[in-house]
């Protein structure tokens, strides 16, 4: 039977996996934590945004850690970064002024 290990990522591992800086990784978590706290306080889940970093899978003291699989799934599904998140328009674009004949 094969076993697989799911690495736990701290801020440094998170930053390395995502190709971002250490401070950016900390900012991602701080922003997502802030949004979750507002949602909990107000009872409005709309404060949690689709691109927010998921909650840590575990804490070591006060240090958060995420499973590598959690971050890979989140990164693949999050909006932005060149991904098309809205359908293309159904009507052709209207030309306002043709610069070739101006």
PDB file of N, CA and C in Angstrom:
ATOM      1  N   UNK A   1       0.849  -1.176   0.000  1.00  0.00           N
ATOM      2  CA  UNK A   1       0.000   0.000   0.000  1.00  0.00           C
ATOM      3  C   UNK A   1       0.895   1.240   0.000  1.00  0.00           C
ATOM      4  N   UNK A   2       0.631   2.122  -0.920  1.00  0.00           N
ATOM      5  CA  UNK A   2       1.418   3.350  -1.008  1.00  0.00           C
ATOM      6  C   UNK A   2       0.854   4.394  -0.052  1.00  0.00           C
ATOM      7  N   UNK A   3       1.735   5.123   0.568  1.00  0.00           N
ATOM      8  CA  UNK A   3       1.296   6.204   1.437  1.00  0.00           C
ATOM      9  C   UNK A   3       1.735   7.522   0.831  1.00  0.00           C
ATOM     10  N   UNK A   4       0.925   8.510   1.020  1.00  0.00           N
ATOM     11  CA  UNK A   4       1.280   9.839   0.530  1.00  0.00           C
ATOM     12  C   UNK A   4       1.362  10.772   1.724  1.00  0.00           C
ATOM     13  N   UNK A   5       2.268  11.689   1.622  1.00  0.00           N
ATOM     14  CA  UNK A   5       2.382  12.677   2.687  1.00  0.00           C
ATOM     15  C   UNK A   5       1.958  14.022   2.147  1.00  0.00           C
ATOM     16  N   UNK A   6       1.241  14.736   2.954  1.00  0.00           N
ATOM     17  CA  UNK A   6       0.777  16.067   2.592  1.00  0.00           C
ATOM     18  C   UNK A   6       1.565  17.039   3.464  1.00  0.00           C
ATOM     19  N   UNK A   7       2.549  17.683   2.863  1.00  0.00           N
ATOM     20  CA  UNK A   7       3.405  18.596   3.636  1.00  0.00           C
ATOM     21  C   UNK A   7       2.589  19.686   4.288  1.00  0.00           C
ATOM     22  N   UNK A   8       3.023  20.100   5.467  1.00  0.00           N
ATOM     23  CA  UNK A   8       2.454  21.275   6.115  1.00  0.00           C
ATOM     24  C   UNK A   8       3.323  22.472   5.758  1.00  0.00           C
ATOM     25  N   UNK A   9       2.682  23.544   5.367  1.00  0.00           N
ATOM     26  CA  UNK A   9       3.390  24.746   4.928  1.00  0.00           C
ATOM     27  C   UNK A   9       3.220  25.859   5.949  1.00  0.00           C
ATOM     28  N   UNK A  10       4.331  26.420   6.389  1.00  0.00           N
ATOM     29  CA  UNK A  10       4.287  27.635   7.191  1.00  0.00           C
ATOM     30  C   UNK A  10       4.309  28.810   6.219  1.00  0.00           C
ATOM     31  N   UNK A  11       4.513  30.016   6.728  1.00  0.00           N
ATOM     32  CA  UNK A  11       4.534  31.172   5.818  1.00  0.00           C
ATOM     33  C   UNK A  11       5.613  31.043   4.749  1.00  0.00           C
ATOM     34  N   UNK A  12       6.787  30.541   5.121  1.00  0.00           N
ATOM     35  CA  UNK A  12       7.871  30.409   4.138  1.00  0.00           C
ATOM     36  C   UNK A  12       7.506  29.396   3.059  1.00  0.00           C
ATOM     37  N   UNK A  13       6.932  28.257   3.462  1.00  0.00           N
ATOM     38  CA  UNK A  13       6.518  27.249   2.490  1.00  0.00           C
ATOM     39  C   UNK A  13       5.394  27.745   1.604  1.00  0.00           C
ATOM     40  N   UNK A  14       4.468  28.485   2.188  1.00  0.00           N
ATOM     41  CA  UNK A  14       3.368  29.077   1.439  1.00  0.00           C
ATOM     42  C   UNK A  14       3.904  30.039   0.382  1.00  0.00           C
ATOM     43  N   UNK A  15       4.809  30.903   0.796  1.00  0.00           N
ATOM     44  CA  UNK A  15       5.399  31.877  -0.129  1.00  0.00           C
ATOM     45  C   UNK A  15       6.149  31.177  -1.260  1.00  0.00           C
ATOM     46  N   UNK A  16       6.897  30.148  -0.919  1.00  0.00           N
ATOM     47  CA  UNK A  16       7.668  29.419  -1.936  1.00  0.00           C
ATOM     48  C   UNK A  16       6.737  28.738  -2.933  1.00  0.00           C
ATOM     49  N   UNK A  17       5.700  28.072  -2.431  1.00  0.00           N
ATOM     50  CA  UNK A  17       4.774  27.361  -3.316  1.00  0.00           C
ATOM     51  C   UNK A  17       4.049  28.317  -4.259  1.00  0.00           C
ATOM     52  N   UNK A  18       3.661  29.487  -3.751  1.00  0.00           N
ATOM     53  CA  UNK A  18       2.905  30.443  -4.557  1.00  0.00           C
ATOM     54  C   UNK A  18       3.784  31.377  -5.383  1.00  0.00           C
ATOM     55  N   UNK A  19       5.083  31.375  -5.113  1.00  0.00           N
ATOM     56  CA  UNK A  19       5.983  32.263  -5.850  1.00  0.00           C
ATOM     57  C   UNK A  19       5.825  33.715  -5.446  1.00  0.00           C
ATOM     58  N   UNK A  20       5.577  33.946  -4.150  1.00  0.00           N
ATOM     59  CA  UNK A  20       5.413  35.301  -3.628  1.00  0.00           C
ATOM     60  C   UNK A  20       6.412  35.525  -2.497  1.00  0.00           C
ATOM     61  N   UNK A  21       6.494  36.737  -2.024  1.00  0.00           N
ATOM     62  CA  UNK A  21       7.375  37.051  -0.913  1.00  0.00           C
ATOM     63  C   UNK A  21       6.769  36.647   0.422  1.00  0.00           C
ATOM     64  N   UNK A  22       7.621  36.540   1.417  1.00  0.00           N
ATOM     65  CA  UNK A  22       7.194  36.164   2.757  1.00  0.00           C
ATOM     66  C   UNK A  22       6.174  37.152   3.318  1.00  0.00           C
ATOM     67  N   UNK A  23       6.408  38.433   3.143  1.00  0.00           N
ATOM     68  CA  UNK A  23       5.463  39.438   3.651  1.00  0.00           C
ATOM     69  C   UNK A  23       4.131  39.387   2.913  1.00  0.00           C
ATOM     70  N   UNK A  24       4.161  39.029   1.640  1.00  0.00           N
ATOM     71  CA  UNK A  24       2.904  38.874   0.896  1.00  0.00           C
ATOM     72  C   UNK A  24       2.098  37.705   1.457  1.00  0.00           C
ATOM     73  N   UNK A  25       2.779  36.610   1.794  1.00  0.00           N
ATOM     74  CA  UNK A  25       2.092  35.457   2.389  1.00  0.00           C
ATOM     75  C   UNK A  25       1.437  35.855   3.709  1.00  0.00           C
ATOM     76  N   UNK A  26       2.155  36.612   4.519  1.00  0.00           N
ATOM     77  CA  UNK A  26       1.584  37.083   5.790  1.00  0.00           C
ATOM     78  C   UNK A  26       0.385  38.007   5.542  1.00  0.00           C
ATOM     79  N   UNK A  27       0.496  38.854   4.537  1.00  0.00           N
ATOM     80  CA  UNK A  27      -0.595  39.783   4.208  1.00  0.00           C
ATOM     81  C   UNK A  27      -1.828  39.025   3.711  1.00  0.00           C
ATOM     82  N   UNK A  28      -1.634  37.993   2.885  1.00  0.00           N
ATOM     83  CA  UNK A  28      -2.761  37.179   2.417  1.00  0.00           C
ATOM     84  C   UNK A  28      -3.536  36.634   3.611  1.00  0.00           C
ATOM     85  N   UNK A  29      -2.807  36.084   4.600  1.00  0.00           N
ATOM     86  CA  UNK A  29      -3.462  35.502   5.755  1.00  0.00           C
ATOM     87  C   UNK A  29      -4.123  36.573   6.622  1.00  0.00           C
ATOM     88  N   UNK A  30      -3.449  37.689   6.821  1.00  0.00           N
ATOM     89  CA  UNK A  30      -4.018  38.761   7.643  1.00  0.00           C
ATOM     90  C   UNK A  30      -5.308  39.289   7.030  1.00  0.00           C
ATOM     91  N   UNK A  31      -5.310  39.468   5.720  1.00  0.00           N
ATOM     92  CA  UNK A  31      -6.498  39.986   5.028  1.00  0.00           C
ATOM     93  C   UNK A  31      -7.648  38.974   5.128  1.00  0.00           C
ATOM     94  N   UNK A  32      -7.365  37.701   4.889  1.00  0.00           N
ATOM     95  CA  UNK A  32      -8.408  36.674   4.955  1.00  0.00           C
ATOM     96  C   UNK A  32      -8.939  36.524   6.378  1.00  0.00           C
ATOM     97  N   UNK A  33      -8.055  36.585   7.368  1.00  0.00           N
ATOM     98  CA  UNK A  33      -8.475  36.489   8.765  1.00  0.00           C
ATOM     99  C   UNK A  33      -9.377  37.661   9.127  1.00  0.00           C
ATOM    100  N   UNK A  34      -9.013  38.847   8.672  1.00  0.00           N
ATOM    101  CA  UNK A  34      -9.831  40.048   8.910  1.00  0.00           C
ATOM    102  C   UNK A  34     -11.226  39.869   8.318  1.00  0.00           C
ATOM    103  N   UNK A  35     -11.297  39.382   7.087  1.00  0.00           N
ATOM    104  CA  UNK A  35     -12.590  39.184   6.430  1.00  0.00           C
ATOM    105  C   UNK A  35     -13.432  38.142   7.180  1.00  0.00           C
ATOM    106  N   UNK A  36     -12.801  37.066   7.643  1.00  0.00           N
ATOM    107  CA  UNK A  36     -13.545  36.040   8.391  1.00  0.00           C
ATOM    108  C   UNK A  36     -14.068  36.582   9.712  1.00  0.00           C
ATOM    109  N   UNK A  37     -13.277  37.431  10.376  1.00  0.00           N
ATOM    110  CA  UNK A  37     -13.714  38.014  11.652  1.00  0.00           C
ATOM    111  C   UNK A  37     -14.912  38.938  11.451  1.00  0.00           C
ATOM    112  N   UNK A  38     -14.886  39.747  10.407  1.00  0.00           N
ATOM    113  CA  UNK A  38     -16.024  40.638  10.119  1.00  0.00           C
ATOM    114  C   UNK A  38     -17.257  39.798   9.806  1.00  0.00           C
ATOM    115  N   UNK A  39     -17.091  38.747   9.004  1.00  0.00           N
ATOM    116  CA  UNK A  39     -18.222  37.885   8.659  1.00  0.00           C
ATOM    117  C   UNK A  39     -18.813  37.239   9.907  1.00  0.00           C
ATOM    118  N   UNK A  40     -17.960  36.797  10.820  1.00  0.00           N
ATOM    119  CA  UNK A  40     -18.443  36.164  12.053  1.00  0.00           C
ATOM    120  C   UNK A  40     -19.160  37.182  12.942  1.00  0.00           C
ATOM    121  N   UNK A  41     -18.598  38.395  13.032  1.00  0.00           N
ATOM    122  CA  UNK A  41     -19.180  39.429  13.893  1.00  0.00           C
ATOM    123  C   UNK A  41     -20.527  39.915  13.367  1.00  0.00           C
ATOM    124  N   UNK A  42     -20.642  40.071  12.050  1.00  0.00           N
ATOM    125  CA  UNK A  42     -21.869  40.614  11.463  1.00  0.00           C
ATOM    126  C   UNK A  42     -22.874  39.538  11.073  1.00  0.00           C
ATOM    127  N   UNK A  43     -22.407  38.304  10.972  1.00  0.00           N
ATOM    128  CA  UNK A  43     -23.280  37.235  10.506  1.00  0.00           C
ATOM    129  C   UNK A  43     -23.474  37.243   9.000  1.00  0.00           C
ATOM    130  N   UNK A  44     -22.690  38.051   8.294  1.00  0.00           N
ATOM    131  CA  UNK A  44     -22.806  38.160   6.839  1.00  0.00           C
ATOM    132  C   UNK A  44     -21.616  37.453   6.176  1.00  0.00           C
ATOM    133  N   UNK A  45     -21.827  36.275   5.582  1.00  0.00           N
ATOM    134  CA  UNK A  45     -20.725  35.537   4.971  1.00  0.00           C
ATOM    135  C   UNK A  45     -20.155  36.205   3.717  1.00  0.00           C
ATOM    136  N   UNK A  46     -20.824  37.240   3.202  1.00  0.00           N
ATOM    137  CA  UNK A  46     -20.334  37.926   2.003  1.00  0.00           C
ATOM    138  C   UNK A  46     -19.031  38.685   2.249  1.00  0.00           C
ATOM    139  N   UNK A  47     -18.656  38.874   3.506  1.00  0.00           N
ATOM    140  CA  UNK A  47     -17.384  39.543   3.787  1.00  0.00           C
ATOM    141  C   UNK A  47     -16.196  38.655   3.432  1.00  0.00           C
ATOM    142  N   UNK A  48     -16.402  37.349   3.431  1.00  0.00           N
ATOM    143  CA  UNK A  48     -15.334  36.435   3.027  1.00  0.00           C
ATOM    144  C   UNK A  48     -15.323  36.415   1.511  1.00  0.00           C
ATOM    145  N   UNK A  49     -14.184  36.758   0.930  1.00  0.00           N
ATOM    146  CA  UNK A  49     -14.088  36.904  -0.519  1.00  0.00           C
ATOM    147  C   UNK A  49     -13.604  35.615  -1.172  1.00  0.00           C
ATOM    148  N   UNK A  50     -13.985  35.380  -2.429  1.00  0.00           N
ATOM    149  CA  UNK A  50     -13.617  34.134  -3.110  1.00  0.00           C
ATOM    150  C   UNK A  50     -12.110  33.878  -3.167  1.00  0.00           C
ATOM    151  N   UNK A  51     -11.314  34.913  -3.251  1.00  0.00           N
ATOM    152  CA  UNK A  51      -9.871  34.732  -3.359  1.00  0.00           C
ATOM    153  C   UNK A  51      -9.139  34.692  -2.029  1.00  0.00           C
ATOM    154  N   UNK A  52      -9.872  34.782  -0.916  1.00  0.00           N
ATOM    155  CA  UNK A  52      -9.223  34.781   0.398  1.00  0.00           C
ATOM    156  C   UNK A  52      -8.510  33.461   0.667  1.00  0.00           C
ATOM    157  N   UNK A  53      -7.355  33.560   1.270  1.00  0.00           N
ATOM    158  CA  UNK A  53      -6.589  32.388   1.684  1.00  0.00           C
ATOM    159  C   UNK A  53      -7.453  31.557   2.630  1.00  0.00           C
ATOM    160  N   UNK A  54      -7.464  30.236   2.468  1.00  0.00           N
ATOM    161  CA  UNK A  54      -8.282  29.423   3.376  1.00  0.00           C
ATOM    162  C   UNK A  54      -7.750  29.469   4.807  1.00  0.00           C
ATOM    163  N   UNK A  55      -8.616  29.092   5.741  1.00  0.00           N
ATOM    164  CA  UNK A  55      -8.187  29.032   7.132  1.00  0.00           C
ATOM    165  C   UNK A  55      -7.061  28.020   7.260  1.00  0.00           C
ATOM    166  N   UNK A  56      -6.115  28.262   8.157  1.00  0.00           N
ATOM    167  CA  UNK A  56      -5.042  27.293   8.370  1.00  0.00           C
ATOM    168  C   UNK A  56      -5.623  25.938   8.780  1.00  0.00           C
ATOM    169  N   UNK A  57      -4.963  24.861   8.348  1.00  0.00           N
ATOM    170  CA  UNK A  57      -5.394  23.515   8.718  1.00  0.00           C
ATOM    171  C   UNK A  57      -5.015  23.191  10.157  1.00  0.00           C
ATOM    172  N   UNK A  58      -3.959  23.834  10.640  1.00  0.00           N
ATOM    173  CA  UNK A  58      -3.473  23.563  11.991  1.00  0.00           C
ATOM    174  C   UNK A  58      -2.662  24.766  12.474  1.00  0.00           C
ATOM    175  N   UNK A  59      -2.560  24.892  13.768  1.00  0.00           N
ATOM    176  CA  UNK A  59      -1.700  25.918  14.370  1.00  0.00           C
ATOM    177  C   UNK A  59      -0.652  25.225  15.224  1.00  0.00           C
ATOM    178  N   UNK A  60       0.542  25.756  15.211  1.00  0.00           N
ATOM    179  CA  UNK A  60       1.606  25.357  16.122  1.00  0.00           C
ATOM    180  C   UNK A  60       1.835  26.556  17.022  1.00  0.00           C
ATOM    181  N   UNK A  61       1.229  26.545  18.186  1.00  0.00           N
ATOM    182  CA  UNK A  61       1.204  27.737  19.021  1.00  0.00           C
ATOM    183  C   UNK A  61       0.313  28.746  18.326  1.00  0.00           C
ATOM    184  N   UNK A  62       0.877  29.893  17.974  1.00  0.00           N
ATOM    185  CA  UNK A  62       0.122  30.901  17.227  1.00  0.00           C
ATOM    186  C   UNK A  62       0.502  30.934  15.749  1.00  0.00           C
ATOM    187  N   UNK A  63       1.344  30.001  15.341  1.00  0.00           N
ATOM    188  CA  UNK A  63       1.818  29.976  13.954  1.00  0.00           C
ATOM    189  C   UNK A  63       0.915  29.099  13.091  1.00  0.00           C
ATOM    190  N   UNK A  64       0.331  29.673  12.044  1.00  0.00           N
ATOM    191  CA  UNK A  64      -0.555  28.896  11.180  1.00  0.00           C
ATOM    192  C   UNK A  64       0.227  27.999  10.226  1.00  0.00           C
ATOM    193  N   UNK A  65      -0.416  26.912   9.822  1.00  0.00           N
ATOM    194  CA  UNK A  65       0.159  26.023   8.809  1.00  0.00           C
ATOM    195  C   UNK A  65      -0.988  25.464   7.971  1.00  0.00           C
ATOM    196  N   UNK A  66      -0.700  25.258   6.699  1.00  0.00           N
ATOM    197  CA  UNK A  66      -1.684  24.753   5.753  1.00  0.00           C
ATOM    198  C   UNK A  66      -1.151  23.484   5.124  1.00  0.00           C
ATOM    199  N   UNK A  67      -2.054  22.553   4.810  1.00  0.00           N
ATOM    200  CA  UNK A  67      -1.666  21.382   4.040  1.00  0.00           C
ATOM    201  C   UNK A  67      -1.347  21.848   2.624  1.00  0.00           C
ATOM    202  N   UNK A  68      -0.344  21.243   2.032  1.00  0.00           N
ATOM    203  CA  UNK A  68       0.024  21.600   0.664  1.00  0.00           C
ATOM    204  C   UNK A  68      -1.166  21.399  -0.276  1.00  0.00           C
ATOM    205  N   UNK A  69      -1.935  20.335  -0.072  1.00  0.00           N
ATOM    206  CA  UNK A  69      -3.095  20.073  -0.935  1.00  0.00           C
ATOM    207  C   UNK A  69      -4.159  21.157  -0.788  1.00  0.00           C
ATOM    208  N   UNK A  70      -4.325  21.706   0.409  1.00  0.00           N
ATOM    209  CA  UNK A  70      -5.288  22.794   0.632  1.00  0.00           C
ATOM    210  C   UNK A  70      -4.906  24.009  -0.194  1.00  0.00           C
ATOM    211  N   UNK A  71      -3.624  24.366  -0.166  1.00  0.00           N
ATOM    212  CA  UNK A  71      -3.154  25.559  -0.884  1.00  0.00           C
ATOM    213  C   UNK A  71      -3.184  25.345  -2.387  1.00  0.00           C
ATOM    214  N   UNK A  72      -2.810  24.156  -2.847  1.00  0.00           N
ATOM    215  CA  UNK A  72      -2.847  23.892  -4.291  1.00  0.00           C
ATOM    216  C   UNK A  72      -4.276  23.965  -4.823  1.00  0.00           C
ATOM    217  N   UNK A  73      -5.228  23.406  -4.078  1.00  0.00           N
ATOM    218  CA  UNK A  73      -6.635  23.461  -4.507  1.00  0.00           C
ATOM    219  C   UNK A  73      -7.146  24.898  -4.509  1.00  0.00           C
ATOM    220  N   UNK A  74      -6.800  25.658  -3.467  1.00  0.00           N
ATOM    221  CA  UNK A  74      -7.218  27.060  -3.395  1.00  0.00           C
ATOM    222  C   UNK A  74      -6.613  27.861  -4.545  1.00  0.00           C
ATOM    223  N   UNK A  75      -5.322  27.663  -4.809  1.00  0.00           N
ATOM    224  CA  UNK A  75      -4.636  28.426  -5.847  1.00  0.00           C
ATOM    225  C   UNK A  75      -5.226  28.121  -7.226  1.00  0.00           C
ATOM    226  N   UNK A  76      -5.587  26.872  -7.460  1.00  0.00           N
ATOM    227  CA  UNK A  76      -6.158  26.491  -8.758  1.00  0.00           C
ATOM    228  C   UNK A  76      -7.554  27.084  -8.958  1.00  0.00           C
ATOM    229  N   UNK A  77      -8.285  27.277  -7.861  1.00  0.00           N
ATOM    230  CA  UNK A  77      -9.673  27.729  -7.964  1.00  0.00           C
ATOM    231  C   UNK A  77      -9.864  29.226  -7.782  1.00  0.00           C
ATOM    232  N   UNK A  78      -8.848  29.940  -7.300  1.00  0.00           N
ATOM    233  CA  UNK A  78      -9.088  31.343  -6.982  1.00  0.00           C
ATOM    234  C   UNK A  78      -9.167  32.205  -8.229  1.00  0.00           C
ATOM    235  N   UNK A  79      -9.967  33.263  -8.156  1.00  0.00           N
ATOM    236  CA  UNK A  79     -10.124  34.153  -9.312  1.00  0.00           C
ATOM    237  C   UNK A  79      -8.899  35.045  -9.491  1.00  0.00           C
ATOM    238  N   UNK A  80      -8.795  35.620 -10.661  1.00  0.00           N
ATOM    239  CA  UNK A  80      -7.723  36.575 -10.923  1.00  0.00           C
ATOM    240  C   UNK A  80      -6.489  35.930 -11.506  1.00  0.00           C
ATOM    241  N   UNK A  81      -5.412  36.674 -11.488  1.00  0.00           N
ATOM    242  CA  UNK A  81      -4.125  36.224 -12.012  1.00  0.00           C
ATOM    243  C   UNK A  81      -4.234  35.743 -13.452  1.00  0.00           C
ATOM    244  N   UNK A  82      -4.981  36.496 -14.276  1.00  0.00           N
ATOM    245  CA  UNK A  82      -5.092  36.179 -15.686  1.00  0.00           C
ATOM    246  C   UNK A  82      -6.176  35.185 -16.031  1.00  0.00           C
ATOM    247  N   UNK A  83      -6.894  34.669 -15.022  1.00  0.00           N
ATOM    248  CA  UNK A  83      -7.956  33.716 -15.286  1.00  0.00           C
ATOM    249  C   UNK A  83      -9.226  34.481 -15.657  1.00  0.00           C
ATOM    250  N   UNK A  84      -9.947  33.994 -16.640  1.00  0.00           N
ATOM    251  CA  UNK A  84     -11.194  34.624 -17.040  1.00  0.00           C
ATOM    252  C   UNK A  84     -12.280  34.152 -16.091  1.00  0.00           C
ATOM    253  N   UNK A  85     -12.894  35.088 -15.388  1.00  0.00           N
ATOM    254  CA  UNK A  85     -13.920  34.723 -14.406  1.00  0.00           C
ATOM    255  C   UNK A  85     -15.311  35.166 -14.826  1.00  0.00           C
ATOM    256  N   UNK A  86     -15.404  35.897 -15.929  1.00  0.00           N
ATOM    257  CA  UNK A  86     -16.712  36.322 -16.429  1.00  0.00           C
ATOM    258  C   UNK A  86     -16.880  35.805 -17.850  1.00  0.00           C
ATOM    259  N   UNK A  87     -18.098  35.475 -18.250  1.00  0.00           N
ATOM    260  CA  UNK A  87     -18.299  34.998 -19.620  1.00  0.00           C
ATOM    261  C   UNK A  87     -18.076  36.126 -20.624  1.00  0.00           C
ATOM    262  N   UNK A  88     -17.690  35.774 -21.840  1.00  0.00           N
ATOM    263  CA  UNK A  88     -17.503  36.813 -22.857  1.00  0.00           C
ATOM    264  C   UNK A  88     -18.833  37.458 -23.212  1.00  0.00           C
ATOM    265  N   UNK A  89     -18.798  38.696 -23.703  1.00  0.00           N
ATOM    266  CA  UNK A  89     -20.058  39.353 -24.081  1.00  0.00           C
ATOM    267  C   UNK A  89     -20.716  38.615 -25.239  1.00  0.00           C
ATOM    268  N   UNK A  90     -22.037  38.629 -25.262  1.00  0.00           N
ATOM    269  CA  UNK A  90     -22.760  37.922 -26.324  1.00  0.00           C
ATOM    270  C   UNK A  90     -22.945  38.793 -27.560  1.00  0.00           C
ATOM    271  N   UNK A  91     -22.987  40.093 -27.378  1.00  0.00           N
ATOM    272  CA  UNK A  91     -23.174  41.001 -28.512  1.00  0.00           C
ATOM    273  C   UNK A  91     -21.803  41.494 -28.988  1.00  0.00           C
ATOM    274  N   UNK A  92     -21.636  41.674 -30.294  1.00  0.00           N
ATOM    275  CA  UNK A  92     -20.359  42.209 -30.782  1.00  0.00           C
ATOM    276  C   UNK A  92     -20.176  43.647 -30.307  1.00  0.00           C
ATOM    277  N   UNK A  93     -18.921  44.042 -30.192  1.00  0.00           N
ATOM    278  CA  UNK A  93     -18.622  45.404 -29.775  1.00  0.00           C
ATOM    279  C   UNK A  93     -18.983  46.377 -30.887  1.00  0.00           C
ATOM    280  N   UNK A  94     -19.497  47.506 -30.513  1.00  0.00           N
ATOM    281  CA  UNK A  94     -19.896  48.538 -31.464  1.00  0.00           C
ATOM    282  C   UNK A  94     -18.721  49.486 -31.667  1.00  0.00           C
ATOM    283  N   UNK A  95     -18.392  49.768 -32.916  1.00  0.00           N
ATOM    284  CA  UNK A  95     -17.312  50.700 -33.230  1.00  0.00           C
ATOM    285  C   UNK A  95     -17.860  52.112 -33.102  1.00  0.00           C
ATOM    286  N   UNK A  96     -17.239  52.897 -32.230  1.00  0.00           N
ATOM    287  CA  UNK A  96     -17.693  54.263 -32.019  1.00  0.00           C
ATOM    288  C   UNK A  96     -17.120  55.178 -33.087  1.00  0.00           C
ATOM    289  N   UNK A  97     -15.832  55.014 -33.388  1.00  0.00           N
ATOM    290  CA  UNK A  97     -15.201  55.865 -34.386  1.00  0.00           C
ATOM    291  C   UNK A  97     -14.136  55.063 -35.100  1.00  0.00           C
ATOM    292  N   UNK A  98     -14.180  55.047 -36.380  1.00  0.00           N
ATOM    293  CA  UNK A  98     -13.189  54.332 -37.161  1.00  0.00           C
ATOM    294  C   UNK A  98     -12.022  55.275 -37.411  1.00  0.00           C
ATOM    295  N   UNK A  99     -10.916  55.025 -36.731  1.00  0.00           N
ATOM    296  CA  UNK A  99      -9.763  55.935 -36.831  1.00  0.00           C
ATOM    297  C   UNK A  99      -9.092  55.871 -38.205  1.00  0.00           C
ATOM    298  N   UNK A 100      -9.277  54.788 -38.943  1.00  0.00           N
ATOM    299  CA  UNK A 100      -8.652  54.686 -40.260  1.00  0.00           C
ATOM    300  C   UNK A 100      -9.280  55.651 -41.245  1.00  0.00           C
ATOM    301  N   UNK A 101     -10.523  56.048 -41.035  1.00  0.00           N
ATOM    302  CA  UNK A 101     -11.213  56.950 -41.957  1.00  0.00           C
ATOM    303  C   UNK A 101     -11.480  58.306 -41.324  1.00  0.00           C
ATOM    304  N   UNK A 102     -10.753  58.623 -40.290  1.00  0.00           N
ATOM    305  CA  UNK A 102     -11.007  59.897 -39.601  1.00  0.00           C
ATOM    306  C   UNK A 102     -10.279  61.031 -40.260  1.00  0.00           C
TER     307      UNK A 102
END
